[in-house]
């Protein structure tokens, strides 16, 4: 059971960023030659057209990192299928880019921490 009201949970969730997250900003600072173009298939965080590389910065929770993922304690009927869909979509996107001769680089959020 959630310990927040529906309004409180809605407010908290609205503050979670989907783009321009801290890990993405850290990576971009170190790799200024990369292009951010979210309208591309799979919404890669960065693209290097010259080298044909797409880069995804994956959050440990959202993409079920094997080291840091912790199963949600509340609202499992909602979260578990949602997170599983993320993992399946990641695999589909990887395959599509690899079939198009692009290199896919997925970087976990915890790898970008200071």
PDB file of N, CA and C in Angstrom:
ATOM      1  N   UNK A   1       0.840  -1.183   0.000  1.00  0.00           N
ATOM      2  CA  UNK A   1       0.000   0.000   0.000  1.00  0.00           C
ATOM      3  C   UNK A   1       0.880   1.239   0.000  1.00  0.00           C
ATOM      4  N   UNK A   2       0.496   2.208  -0.780  1.00  0.00           N
ATOM      5  CA  UNK A   2       1.252   3.453  -0.869  1.00  0.00           C
ATOM      6  C   UNK A   2       0.991   4.304   0.370  1.00  0.00           C
ATOM      7  N   UNK A   3       2.043   4.913   0.905  1.00  0.00           N
ATOM      8  CA  UNK A   3       1.874   5.734   2.107  1.00  0.00           C
ATOM      9  C   UNK A   3       1.586   7.198   1.772  1.00  0.00           C
ATOM     10  N   UNK A   4       1.461   7.523   0.487  1.00  0.00           N
ATOM     11  CA  UNK A   4       1.122   8.882   0.068  1.00  0.00           C
ATOM     12  C   UNK A   4      -0.285   8.903  -0.513  1.00  0.00           C
ATOM     13  N   UNK A   5      -0.920  10.076  -0.447  1.00  0.00           N
ATOM     14  CA  UNK A   5      -2.224  10.210  -1.084  1.00  0.00           C
ATOM     15  C   UNK A   5      -2.021  10.218  -2.593  1.00  0.00           C
ATOM     16  N   UNK A   6      -3.090  10.069  -3.312  1.00  0.00           N
ATOM     17  CA  UNK A   6      -3.004  10.068  -4.773  1.00  0.00           C
ATOM     18  C   UNK A   6      -2.419  11.388  -5.291  1.00  0.00           C
ATOM     19  N   UNK A   7      -2.815  12.498  -4.691  1.00  0.00           N
ATOM     20  CA  UNK A   7      -2.313  13.812  -5.105  1.00  0.00           C
ATOM     21  C   UNK A   7      -0.820  13.955  -4.801  1.00  0.00           C
ATOM     22  N   UNK A   8      -0.410  13.486  -3.629  1.00  0.00           N
ATOM     23  CA  UNK A   8       1.012  13.555  -3.262  1.00  0.00           C
ATOM     24  C   UNK A   8       1.859  12.698  -4.197  1.00  0.00           C
ATOM     25  N   UNK A   9       1.372  11.488  -4.508  1.00  0.00           N
ATOM     26  CA  UNK A   9       2.112  10.606  -5.410  1.00  0.00           C
ATOM     27  C   UNK A   9       2.191  11.228  -6.806  1.00  0.00           C
ATOM     28  N   UNK A  10       1.105  11.818  -7.249  1.00  0.00           N
ATOM     29  CA  UNK A  10       1.089  12.464  -8.560  1.00  0.00           C
ATOM     30  C   UNK A  10       2.111  13.596  -8.617  1.00  0.00           C
ATOM     31  N   UNK A  11       2.172  14.379  -7.564  1.00  0.00           N
ATOM     32  CA  UNK A  11       3.141  15.474  -7.500  1.00  0.00           C
ATOM     33  C   UNK A  11       4.573  14.933  -7.541  1.00  0.00           C
ATOM     34  N   UNK A  12       4.848  13.912  -6.741  1.00  0.00           N
ATOM     35  CA  UNK A  12       6.199  13.317  -6.713  1.00  0.00           C
ATOM     36  C   UNK A  12       6.585  12.772  -8.079  1.00  0.00           C
ATOM     37  N   UNK A  13       5.674  12.059  -8.717  1.00  0.00           N
ATOM     38  CA  UNK A  13       5.975  11.458 -10.017  1.00  0.00           C
ATOM     39  C   UNK A  13       6.162  12.524 -11.092  1.00  0.00           C
ATOM     40  N   UNK A  14       5.466  13.653 -10.963  1.00  0.00           N
ATOM     41  CA  UNK A  14       5.608  14.714 -11.966  1.00  0.00           C
ATOM     42  C   UNK A  14       6.987  15.359 -11.919  1.00  0.00           C
ATOM     43  N   UNK A  15       7.691  15.201 -10.811  1.00  0.00           N
ATOM     44  CA  UNK A  15       9.028  15.787 -10.664  1.00  0.00           C
ATOM     45  C   UNK A  15      10.136  14.889 -11.217  1.00  0.00           C
ATOM     46  N   UNK A  16       9.793  13.659 -11.563  1.00  0.00           N
ATOM     47  CA  UNK A  16      10.793  12.745 -12.126  1.00  0.00           C
ATOM     48  C   UNK A  16      10.991  13.108 -13.590  1.00  0.00           C
ATOM     49  N   UNK A  17      12.217  13.394 -13.950  1.00  0.00           N
ATOM     50  CA  UNK A  17      12.513  13.841 -15.304  1.00  0.00           C
ATOM     51  C   UNK A  17      12.723  12.642 -16.225  1.00  0.00           C
ATOM     52  N   UNK A  18      12.245  12.784 -17.443  1.00  0.00           N
ATOM     53  CA  UNK A  18      12.434  11.747 -18.446  1.00  0.00           C
ATOM     54  C   UNK A  18      13.579  12.058 -19.379  1.00  0.00           C
ATOM     55  N   UNK A  19      13.944  13.325 -19.445  1.00  0.00           N
ATOM     56  CA  UNK A  19      15.071  13.723 -20.285  1.00  0.00           C
ATOM     57  C   UNK A  19      15.855  14.793 -19.558  1.00  0.00           C
ATOM     58  N   UNK A  20      17.095  14.948 -19.970  1.00  0.00           N
ATOM     59  CA  UNK A  20      18.008  15.880 -19.305  1.00  0.00           C
ATOM     60  C   UNK A  20      18.207  15.515 -17.838  1.00  0.00           C
ATOM     61  N   UNK A  21      18.309  14.230 -17.585  1.00  0.00           N
ATOM     62  CA  UNK A  21      18.529  13.766 -16.221  1.00  0.00           C
ATOM     63  C   UNK A  21      19.980  14.024 -15.823  1.00  0.00           C
ATOM     64  N   UNK A  22      20.260  13.935 -14.555  1.00  0.00           N
ATOM     65  CA  UNK A  22      21.615  14.176 -14.066  1.00  0.00           C
ATOM     66  C   UNK A  22      22.642  13.249 -14.723  1.00  0.00           C
ATOM     67  N   UNK A  23      22.376  11.932 -14.841  1.00  0.00           N
ATOM     68  CA  UNK A  23      23.359  11.082 -15.522  1.00  0.00           C
ATOM     69  C   UNK A  23      23.602  11.508 -16.974  1.00  0.00           C
ATOM     70  N   UNK A  24      22.534  11.927 -17.669  1.00  0.00           N
ATOM     71  CA  UNK A  24      22.700  12.397 -19.048  1.00  0.00           C
ATOM     72  C   UNK A  24      23.558  13.652 -19.093  1.00  0.00           C
ATOM     73  N   UNK A  25      23.321  14.574 -18.174  1.00  0.00           N
ATOM     74  CA  UNK A  25      24.110  15.813 -18.137  1.00  0.00           C
ATOM     75  C   UNK A  25      25.585  15.516 -17.872  1.00  0.00           C
ATOM     76  N   UNK A  26      25.849  14.582 -16.956  1.00  0.00           N
ATOM     77  CA  UNK A  26      27.244  14.221 -16.654  1.00  0.00           C
ATOM     78  C   UNK A  26      27.934  13.653 -17.887  1.00  0.00           C
ATOM     79  N   UNK A  27      27.230  12.788 -18.593  1.00  0.00           N
ATOM     80  CA  UNK A  27      27.816  12.166 -19.780  1.00  0.00           C
ATOM     81  C   UNK A  27      28.061  13.205 -20.869  1.00  0.00           C
ATOM     82  N   UNK A  28      27.096  14.095 -21.057  1.00  0.00           N
ATOM     83  CA  UNK A  28      27.224  15.119 -22.100  1.00  0.00           C
ATOM     84  C   UNK A  28      28.391  16.054 -21.814  1.00  0.00           C
ATOM     85  N   UNK A  29      28.601  16.384 -20.541  1.00  0.00           N
ATOM     86  CA  UNK A  29      29.717  17.257 -20.176  1.00  0.00           C
ATOM     87  C   UNK A  29      31.052  16.672 -20.637  1.00  0.00           C
ATOM     88  N   UNK A  30      31.185  15.361 -20.527  1.00  0.00           N
ATOM     89  CA  UNK A  30      32.439  14.697 -20.890  1.00  0.00           C
ATOM     90  C   UNK A  30      32.534  14.390 -22.383  1.00  0.00           C
ATOM     91  N   UNK A  31      31.409  14.443 -23.092  1.00  0.00           N
ATOM     92  CA  UNK A  31      31.368  14.068 -24.507  1.00  0.00           C
ATOM     93  C   UNK A  31      30.609  15.119 -25.307  1.00  0.00           C
ATOM     94  N   UNK A  32      31.148  16.295 -25.404  1.00  0.00           N
ATOM     95  CA  UNK A  32      30.438  17.421 -26.006  1.00  0.00           C
ATOM     96  C   UNK A  32      30.249  17.288 -27.513  1.00  0.00           C
ATOM     97  N   UNK A  33      30.913  16.338 -28.162  1.00  0.00           N
ATOM     98  CA  UNK A  33      30.779  16.178 -29.605  1.00  0.00           C
ATOM     99  C   UNK A  33      29.527  15.393 -30.008  1.00  0.00           C
ATOM    100  N   UNK A  34      28.777  14.902 -29.055  1.00  0.00           N
ATOM    101  CA  UNK A  34      27.603  14.092 -29.352  1.00  0.00           C
ATOM    102  C   UNK A  34      26.370  14.959 -29.553  1.00  0.00           C
ATOM    103  N   UNK A  35      25.438  14.435 -30.324  1.00  0.00           N
ATOM    104  CA  UNK A  35      24.207  15.154 -30.635  1.00  0.00           C
ATOM    105  C   UNK A  35      23.061  14.542 -29.838  1.00  0.00           C
ATOM    106  N   UNK A  36      22.238  15.398 -29.262  1.00  0.00           N
ATOM    107  CA  UNK A  36      21.035  14.948 -28.560  1.00  0.00           C
ATOM    108  C   UNK A  36      19.877  15.115 -29.529  1.00  0.00           C
ATOM    109  N   UNK A  37      19.213  14.012 -29.888  1.00  0.00           N
ATOM    110  CA  UNK A  37      18.115  14.077 -30.839  1.00  0.00           C
ATOM    111  C   UNK A  37      17.056  13.043 -30.469  1.00  0.00           C
ATOM    112  N   UNK A  38      16.125  13.410 -29.587  1.00  0.00           N
ATOM    113  CA  UNK A  38      15.177  12.430 -29.057  1.00  0.00           C
ATOM    114  C   UNK A  38      14.099  11.972 -30.038  1.00  0.00           C
ATOM    115  N   UNK A  39      14.008  12.594 -31.225  1.00  0.00           N
ATOM    116  CA  UNK A  39      12.956  12.208 -32.159  1.00  0.00           C
ATOM    117  C   UNK A  39      13.323  10.967 -32.975  1.00  0.00           C
ATOM    118  N   UNK A  40      14.518  10.456 -32.811  1.00  0.00           N
ATOM    119  CA  UNK A  40      14.973   9.269 -33.523  1.00  0.00           C
ATOM    120  C   UNK A  40      14.367   8.015 -32.879  1.00  0.00           C
ATOM    121  N   UNK A  41      14.211   6.953 -33.664  1.00  0.00           N
ATOM    122  CA  UNK A  41      13.630   5.696 -33.176  1.00  0.00           C
ATOM    123  C   UNK A  41      14.316   5.229 -31.895  1.00  0.00           C
ATOM    124  N   UNK A  42      13.526   4.852 -30.919  1.00  0.00           N
ATOM    125  CA  UNK A  42      14.055   4.359 -29.654  1.00  0.00           C
ATOM    126  C   UNK A  42      14.469   5.464 -28.704  1.00  0.00           C
ATOM    127  N   UNK A  43      14.449   6.693 -29.161  1.00  0.00           N
ATOM    128  CA  UNK A  43      14.809   7.876 -28.377  1.00  0.00           C
ATOM    129  C   UNK A  43      16.169   7.749 -27.686  1.00  0.00           C
ATOM    130  N   UNK A  44      17.237   7.546 -28.475  1.00  0.00           N
ATOM    131  CA  UNK A  44      18.562   7.487 -27.848  1.00  0.00           C
ATOM    132  C   UNK A  44      18.883   8.818 -27.182  1.00  0.00           C
ATOM    133  N   UNK A  45      19.666   8.766 -26.130  1.00  0.00           N
ATOM    134  CA  UNK A  45      20.034   9.991 -25.430  1.00  0.00           C
ATOM    135  C   UNK A  45      21.050  10.796 -26.230  1.00  0.00           C
ATOM    136  N   UNK A  46      21.935  10.100 -26.927  1.00  0.00           N
ATOM    137  CA  UNK A  46      22.944  10.769 -27.747  1.00  0.00           C
ATOM    138  C   UNK A  46      23.191   9.958 -29.004  1.00  0.00           C
ATOM    139  N   UNK A  47      23.636  10.656 -30.060  1.00  0.00           N
ATOM    140  CA  UNK A  47      23.928  10.004 -31.332  1.00  0.00           C
ATOM    141  C   UNK A  47      25.259  10.518 -31.858  1.00  0.00           C
ATOM    142  N   UNK A  48      26.066   9.610 -32.356  1.00  0.00           N
ATOM    143  CA  UNK A  48      27.286   9.972 -33.061  1.00  0.00           C
ATOM    144  C   UNK A  48      27.110   9.442 -34.482  1.00  0.00           C
ATOM    145  N   UNK A  49      26.703  10.348 -35.405  1.00  0.00           N
ATOM    146  CA  UNK A  49      26.418   9.933 -36.772  1.00  0.00           C
ATOM    147  C   UNK A  49      27.673   9.461 -37.501  1.00  0.00           C
ATOM    148  N   UNK A  50      28.774  10.122 -37.237  1.00  0.00           N
ATOM    149  CA  UNK A  50      30.025   9.792 -37.921  1.00  0.00           C
ATOM    150  C   UNK A  50      30.440   8.343 -37.648  1.00  0.00           C
ATOM    151  N   UNK A  51      30.338   7.925 -36.403  1.00  0.00           N
ATOM    152  CA  UNK A  51      30.737   6.569 -36.009  1.00  0.00           C
ATOM    153  C   UNK A  51      29.566   5.579 -36.030  1.00  0.00           C
ATOM    154  N   UNK A  52      28.352   6.079 -36.324  1.00  0.00           N
ATOM    155  CA  UNK A  52      27.129   5.267 -36.307  1.00  0.00           C
ATOM    156  C   UNK A  52      26.951   4.584 -34.947  1.00  0.00           C
ATOM    157  N   UNK A  53      26.906   5.421 -33.912  1.00  0.00           N
ATOM    158  CA  UNK A  53      26.723   4.931 -32.544  1.00  0.00           C
ATOM    159  C   UNK A  53      25.516   5.632 -31.926  1.00  0.00           C
ATOM    160  N   UNK A  54      24.639   4.851 -31.311  1.00  0.00           N
ATOM    161  CA  UNK A  54      23.552   5.421 -30.514  1.00  0.00           C
ATOM    162  C   UNK A  54      23.850   5.091 -29.059  1.00  0.00           C
ATOM    163  N   UNK A  55      23.615   6.070 -28.195  1.00  0.00           N
ATOM    164  CA  UNK A  55      23.962   5.920 -26.782  1.00  0.00           C
ATOM    165  C   UNK A  55      22.714   6.140 -25.936  1.00  0.00           C
ATOM    166  N   UNK A  56      22.484   5.206 -25.046  1.00  0.00           N
ATOM    167  CA  UNK A  56      21.367   5.293 -24.113  1.00  0.00           C
ATOM    168  C   UNK A  56      21.928   5.340 -22.699  1.00  0.00           C
ATOM    169  N   UNK A  57      21.432   6.270 -21.895  1.00  0.00           N
ATOM    170  CA  UNK A  57      21.773   6.329 -20.478  1.00  0.00           C
ATOM    171  C   UNK A  57      20.579   5.724 -19.744  1.00  0.00           C
ATOM    172  N   UNK A  58      20.752   4.537 -19.185  1.00  0.00           N
ATOM    173  CA  UNK A  58      19.643   3.810 -18.572  1.00  0.00           C
ATOM    174  C   UNK A  58      19.657   3.938 -17.055  1.00  0.00           C
ATOM    175  N   UNK A  59      18.516   4.330 -16.504  1.00  0.00           N
ATOM    176  CA  UNK A  59      18.364   4.401 -15.056  1.00  0.00           C
ATOM    177  C   UNK A  59      18.284   3.003 -14.462  1.00  0.00           C
ATOM    178  N   UNK A  60      18.905   2.810 -13.323  1.00  0.00           N
ATOM    179  CA  UNK A  60      18.959   1.484 -12.694  1.00  0.00           C
ATOM    180  C   UNK A  60      17.561   0.946 -12.372  1.00  0.00           C
ATOM    181  N   UNK A  61      16.671   1.803 -11.908  1.00  0.00           N
ATOM    182  CA  UNK A  61      15.316   1.348 -11.585  1.00  0.00           C
ATOM    183  C   UNK A  61      14.508   1.112 -12.855  1.00  0.00           C
ATOM    184  N   UNK A  62      14.488   2.082 -13.746  1.00  0.00           N
ATOM    185  CA  UNK A  62      13.611   2.051 -14.910  1.00  0.00           C
ATOM    186  C   UNK A  62      13.959   0.949 -15.897  1.00  0.00           C
ATOM    187  N   UNK A  63      15.210   0.526 -15.927  1.00  0.00           N
ATOM    188  CA  UNK A  63      15.640  -0.485 -16.892  1.00  0.00           C
ATOM    189  C   UNK A  63      16.128  -1.765 -16.212  1.00  0.00           C
ATOM    190  N   UNK A  64      15.852  -1.903 -14.934  1.00  0.00           N
ATOM    191  CA  UNK A  64      16.112  -3.111 -14.138  1.00  0.00           C
ATOM    192  C   UNK A  64      17.581  -3.537 -14.155  1.00  0.00           C
ATOM    193  N   UNK A  65      18.431  -2.661 -13.695  1.00  0.00           N
ATOM    194  CA  UNK A  65      19.860  -2.954 -13.565  1.00  0.00           C
ATOM    195  C   UNK A  65      20.053  -4.188 -12.682  1.00  0.00           C
ATOM    196  N   UNK A  66      20.900  -5.105 -13.123  1.00  0.00           N
ATOM    197  CA  UNK A  66      21.100  -6.337 -12.349  1.00  0.00           C
ATOM    198  C   UNK A  66      21.812  -6.081 -11.020  1.00  0.00           C
ATOM    199  N   UNK A  67      22.526  -4.964 -10.905  1.00  0.00           N
ATOM    200  CA  UNK A  67      23.235  -4.654  -9.661  1.00  0.00           C
ATOM    201  C   UNK A  67      22.373  -3.892  -8.655  1.00  0.00           C
ATOM    202  N   UNK A  68      21.579  -2.931  -9.139  1.00  0.00           N
ATOM    203  CA  UNK A  68      20.919  -2.001  -8.222  1.00  0.00           C
ATOM    204  C   UNK A  68      19.394  -2.023  -8.235  1.00  0.00           C
ATOM    205  N   UNK A  69      18.797  -2.778  -9.125  1.00  0.00           N
ATOM    206  CA  UNK A  69      17.339  -2.785  -9.203  1.00  0.00           C
ATOM    207  C   UNK A  69      16.741  -3.400  -7.943  1.00  0.00           C
ATOM    208  N   UNK A  70      15.775  -2.692  -7.386  1.00  0.00           N
ATOM    209  CA  UNK A  70      15.013  -3.210  -6.246  1.00  0.00           C
ATOM    210  C   UNK A  70      13.545  -3.198  -6.650  1.00  0.00           C
ATOM    211  N   UNK A  71      12.914  -4.329  -6.489  1.00  0.00           N
ATOM    212  CA  UNK A  71      11.511  -4.438  -6.858  1.00  0.00           C
ATOM    213  C   UNK A  71      10.680  -3.477  -6.018  1.00  0.00           C
ATOM    214  N   UNK A  72       9.726  -2.778  -6.641  1.00  0.00           N
ATOM    215  CA  UNK A  72       8.887  -1.854  -5.874  1.00  0.00           C
ATOM    216  C   UNK A  72       8.078  -2.602  -4.816  1.00  0.00           C
ATOM    217  N   UNK A  73       7.892  -1.949  -3.693  1.00  0.00           N
ATOM    218  CA  UNK A  73       7.155  -2.577  -2.598  1.00  0.00           C
ATOM    219  C   UNK A  73       5.656  -2.352  -2.719  1.00  0.00           C
ATOM    220  N   UNK A  74       5.269  -1.268  -3.375  1.00  0.00           N
ATOM    221  CA  UNK A  74       3.843  -0.974  -3.494  1.00  0.00           C
ATOM    222  C   UNK A  74       3.437  -0.934  -4.964  1.00  0.00           C
ATOM    223  N   UNK A  75       2.174  -1.133  -5.201  1.00  0.00           N
ATOM    224  CA  UNK A  75       1.571  -1.044  -6.528  1.00  0.00           C
ATOM    225  C   UNK A  75       2.280  -1.940  -7.548  1.00  0.00           C
ATOM    226  N   UNK A  76       2.592  -3.153  -7.148  1.00  0.00           N
ATOM    227  CA  UNK A  76       3.336  -4.085  -8.002  1.00  0.00           C
ATOM    228  C   UNK A  76       2.586  -4.415  -9.290  1.00  0.00           C
ATOM    229  N   UNK A  77       1.270  -4.440  -9.241  1.00  0.00           N
ATOM    230  CA  UNK A  77       0.501  -4.758 -10.450  1.00  0.00           C
ATOM    231  C   UNK A  77       0.751  -3.724 -11.543  1.00  0.00           C
ATOM    232  N   UNK A  78       1.046  -2.519 -11.153  1.00  0.00           N
ATOM    233  CA  UNK A  78       1.349  -1.467 -12.125  1.00  0.00           C
ATOM    234  C   UNK A  78       2.821  -1.501 -12.531  1.00  0.00           C
ATOM    235  N   UNK A  79       3.708  -1.515 -11.535  1.00  0.00           N
ATOM    236  CA  UNK A  79       5.134  -1.333 -11.803  1.00  0.00           C
ATOM    237  C   UNK A  79       5.804  -2.509 -12.493  1.00  0.00           C
ATOM    238  N   UNK A  80       5.531  -3.722 -12.066  1.00  0.00           N
ATOM    239  CA  UNK A  80       6.251  -4.869 -12.628  1.00  0.00           C
ATOM    240  C   UNK A  80       6.033  -5.022 -14.136  1.00  0.00           C
ATOM    241  N   UNK A  81       4.781  -4.967 -14.633  1.00  0.00           N
ATOM    242  CA  UNK A  81       4.604  -5.044 -16.093  1.00  0.00           C
ATOM    243  C   UNK A  81       5.234  -3.852 -16.824  1.00  0.00           C
ATOM    244  N   UNK A  82       5.143  -2.676 -16.231  1.00  0.00           N
ATOM    245  CA  UNK A  82       5.716  -1.479 -16.862  1.00  0.00           C
ATOM    246  C   UNK A  82       7.229  -1.618 -17.010  1.00  0.00           C
ATOM    247  N   UNK A  83       7.900  -2.030 -15.968  1.00  0.00           N
ATOM    248  CA  UNK A  83       9.355  -2.166 -16.011  1.00  0.00           C
ATOM    249  C   UNK A  83       9.771  -3.301 -16.944  1.00  0.00           C
ATOM    250  N   UNK A  84       8.988  -4.370 -16.962  1.00  0.00           N
ATOM    251  CA  UNK A  84       9.298  -5.482 -17.872  1.00  0.00           C
ATOM    252  C   UNK A  84       9.165  -5.031 -19.326  1.00  0.00           C
ATOM    253  N   UNK A  85       8.159  -4.197 -19.610  1.00  0.00           N
ATOM    254  CA  UNK A  85       8.007  -3.651 -20.971  1.00  0.00           C
ATOM    255  C   UNK A  85       9.222  -2.819 -21.358  1.00  0.00           C
ATOM    256  N   UNK A  86       9.771  -2.074 -20.410  1.00  0.00           N
ATOM    257  CA  UNK A  86      10.976  -1.283 -20.693  1.00  0.00           C
ATOM    258  C   UNK A  86      12.127  -2.183 -21.128  1.00  0.00           C
ATOM    259  N   UNK A  87      12.313  -3.280 -20.418  1.00  0.00           N
ATOM    260  CA  UNK A  87      13.409  -4.209 -20.729  1.00  0.00           C
ATOM    261  C   UNK A  87      13.198  -4.831 -22.112  1.00  0.00           C
ATOM    262  N   UNK A  88      11.969  -5.233 -22.406  1.00  0.00           N
ATOM    263  CA  UNK A  88      11.656  -5.819 -23.714  1.00  0.00           C
ATOM    264  C   UNK A  88      11.874  -4.795 -24.820  1.00  0.00           C
ATOM    265  N   UNK A  89      11.411  -3.567 -24.606  1.00  0.00           N
ATOM    266  CA  UNK A  89      11.590  -2.508 -25.602  1.00  0.00           C
ATOM    267  C   UNK A  89      13.071  -2.222 -25.826  1.00  0.00           C
ATOM    268  N   UNK A  90      13.865  -2.219 -24.752  1.00  0.00           N
ATOM    269  CA  UNK A  90      15.313  -2.010 -24.893  1.00  0.00           C
ATOM    270  C   UNK A  90      15.919  -3.054 -25.824  1.00  0.00           C
ATOM    271  N   UNK A  91      15.534  -4.311 -25.640  1.00  0.00           N
ATOM    272  CA  UNK A  91      16.069  -5.393 -26.476  1.00  0.00           C
ATOM    273  C   UNK A  91      15.638  -5.220 -27.932  1.00  0.00           C
ATOM    274  N   UNK A  92      14.392  -4.807 -28.150  1.00  0.00           N
ATOM    275  CA  UNK A  92      13.899  -4.589 -29.514  1.00  0.00           C
ATOM    276  C   UNK A  92      14.638  -3.444 -30.190  1.00  0.00           C
ATOM    277  N   UNK A  93      14.865  -2.368 -29.453  1.00  0.00           N
ATOM    278  CA  UNK A  93      15.588  -1.214 -29.996  1.00  0.00           C
ATOM    279  C   UNK A  93      17.031  -1.602 -30.316  1.00  0.00           C
ATOM    280  N   UNK A  94      17.672  -2.328 -29.408  1.00  0.00           N
ATOM    281  CA  UNK A  94      19.046  -2.791 -29.651  1.00  0.00           C
ATOM    282  C   UNK A  94      19.121  -3.591 -30.947  1.00  0.00           C
ATOM    283  N   UNK A  95      18.201  -4.524 -31.114  1.00  0.00           N
ATOM    284  CA  UNK A  95      18.199  -5.383 -32.290  1.00  0.00           C
ATOM    285  C   UNK A  95      17.978  -4.572 -33.570  1.00  0.00           C
ATOM    286  N   UNK A  96      17.041  -3.630 -33.522  1.00  0.00           N
ATOM    287  CA  UNK A  96      16.761  -2.809 -34.705  1.00  0.00           C
ATOM    288  C   UNK A  96      17.997  -2.016 -35.129  1.00  0.00           C
ATOM    289  N   UNK A  97      18.694  -1.421 -34.178  1.00  0.00           N
ATOM    290  CA  UNK A  97      19.898  -0.659 -34.524  1.00  0.00           C
ATOM    291  C   UNK A  97      21.018  -1.582 -35.007  1.00  0.00           C
ATOM    292  N   UNK A  98      21.190  -2.705 -34.363  1.00  0.00           N
ATOM    293  CA  UNK A  98      22.247  -3.637 -34.786  1.00  0.00           C
ATOM    294  C   UNK A  98      21.976  -4.167 -36.188  1.00  0.00           C
ATOM    295  N   UNK A  99      20.704  -4.418 -36.506  1.00  0.00           N
ATOM    296  CA  UNK A  99      20.347  -4.867 -37.854  1.00  0.00           C
ATOM    297  C   UNK A  99      20.575  -3.781 -38.899  1.00  0.00           C
ATOM    298  N   UNK A 100      20.622  -2.537 -38.467  1.00  0.00           N
ATOM    299  CA  UNK A 100      20.899  -1.406 -39.363  1.00  0.00           C
ATOM    300  C   UNK A 100      22.372  -1.013 -39.328  1.00  0.00           C
ATOM    301  N   UNK A 101      23.200  -1.871 -38.737  1.00  0.00           N
ATOM    302  CA  UNK A 101      24.657  -1.675 -38.664  1.00  0.00           C
ATOM    303  C   UNK A 101      25.060  -0.457 -37.838  1.00  0.00           C
ATOM    304  N   UNK A 102      24.316  -0.202 -36.795  1.00  0.00           N
ATOM    305  CA  UNK A 102      24.672   0.830 -35.830  1.00  0.00           C
ATOM    306  C   UNK A 102      25.177   0.133 -34.574  1.00  0.00           C
ATOM    307  N   UNK A 103      26.103   0.774 -33.895  1.00  0.00           N
ATOM    308  CA  UNK A 103      26.571   0.254 -32.614  1.00  0.00           C
ATOM    309  C   UNK A 103      25.694   0.852 -31.512  1.00  0.00           C
ATOM    310  N   UNK A 104      25.265   0.020 -30.596  1.00  0.00           N
ATOM    311  CA  UNK A 104      24.424   0.466 -29.484  1.00  0.00           C
ATOM    312  C   UNK A 104      25.261   0.435 -28.216  1.00  0.00           C
ATOM    313  N   UNK A 105      25.283   1.562 -27.532  1.00  0.00           N
ATOM    314  CA  UNK A 105      26.008   1.663 -26.266  1.00  0.00           C
ATOM    315  C   UNK A 105      24.998   2.020 -25.186  1.00  0.00           C
ATOM    316  N   UNK A 106      24.857   1.152 -24.203  1.00  0.00           N
ATOM    317  CA  UNK A 106      23.955   1.407 -23.074  1.00  0.00           C
ATOM    318  C   UNK A 106      24.804   1.590 -21.832  1.00  0.00           C
ATOM    319  N   UNK A 107      24.624   2.727 -21.196  1.00  0.00           N
ATOM    320  CA  UNK A 107      25.414   3.062 -20.013  1.00  0.00           C
ATOM    321  C   UNK A 107      24.473   3.146 -18.821  1.00  0.00           C
ATOM    322  N   UNK A 108      24.795   2.401 -17.781  1.00  0.00           N
ATOM    323  CA  UNK A 108      23.970   2.413 -16.574  1.00  0.00           C
ATOM    324  C   UNK A 108      24.219   3.691 -15.780  1.00  0.00           C
ATOM    325  N   UNK A 109      23.158   4.158 -15.187  1.00  0.00           N
ATOM    326  CA  UNK A 109      23.194   5.357 -14.341  1.00  0.00           C
ATOM    327  C   UNK A 109      24.314   5.274 -13.306  1.00  0.00           C
ATOM    328  N   UNK A 110      24.498   4.116 -12.676  1.00  0.00           N
ATOM    329  CA  UNK A 110      25.498   4.007 -11.604  1.00  0.00           C
ATOM    330  C   UNK A 110      26.926   4.143 -12.131  1.00  0.00           C
ATOM    331  N   UNK A 111      27.144   3.937 -13.422  1.00  0.00           N
ATOM    332  CA  UNK A 111      28.487   4.088 -13.998  1.00  0.00           C
ATOM    333  C   UNK A 111      28.877   5.561 -14.133  1.00  0.00           C
ATOM    334  N   UNK A 112      27.888   6.450 -14.087  1.00  0.00           N
ATOM    335  CA  UNK A 112      28.151   7.877 -14.273  1.00  0.00           C
ATOM    336  C   UNK A 112      28.221   8.652 -12.966  1.00  0.00           C
ATOM    337  N   UNK A 113      28.038   7.969 -11.870  1.00  0.00           N
ATOM    338  CA  UNK A 113      28.122   8.666 -10.576  1.00  0.00           C
ATOM    339  C   UNK A 113      29.551   9.074 -10.325  1.00  0.00           C
ATOM    340  N   UNK A 114      29.718  10.131  -9.589  1.00  0.00           N
ATOM    341  CA  UNK A 114      31.055  10.694  -9.338  1.00  0.00           C
ATOM    342  C   UNK A 114      31.958   9.731  -8.737  1.00  0.00           C
TER     343      UNK A 114
END
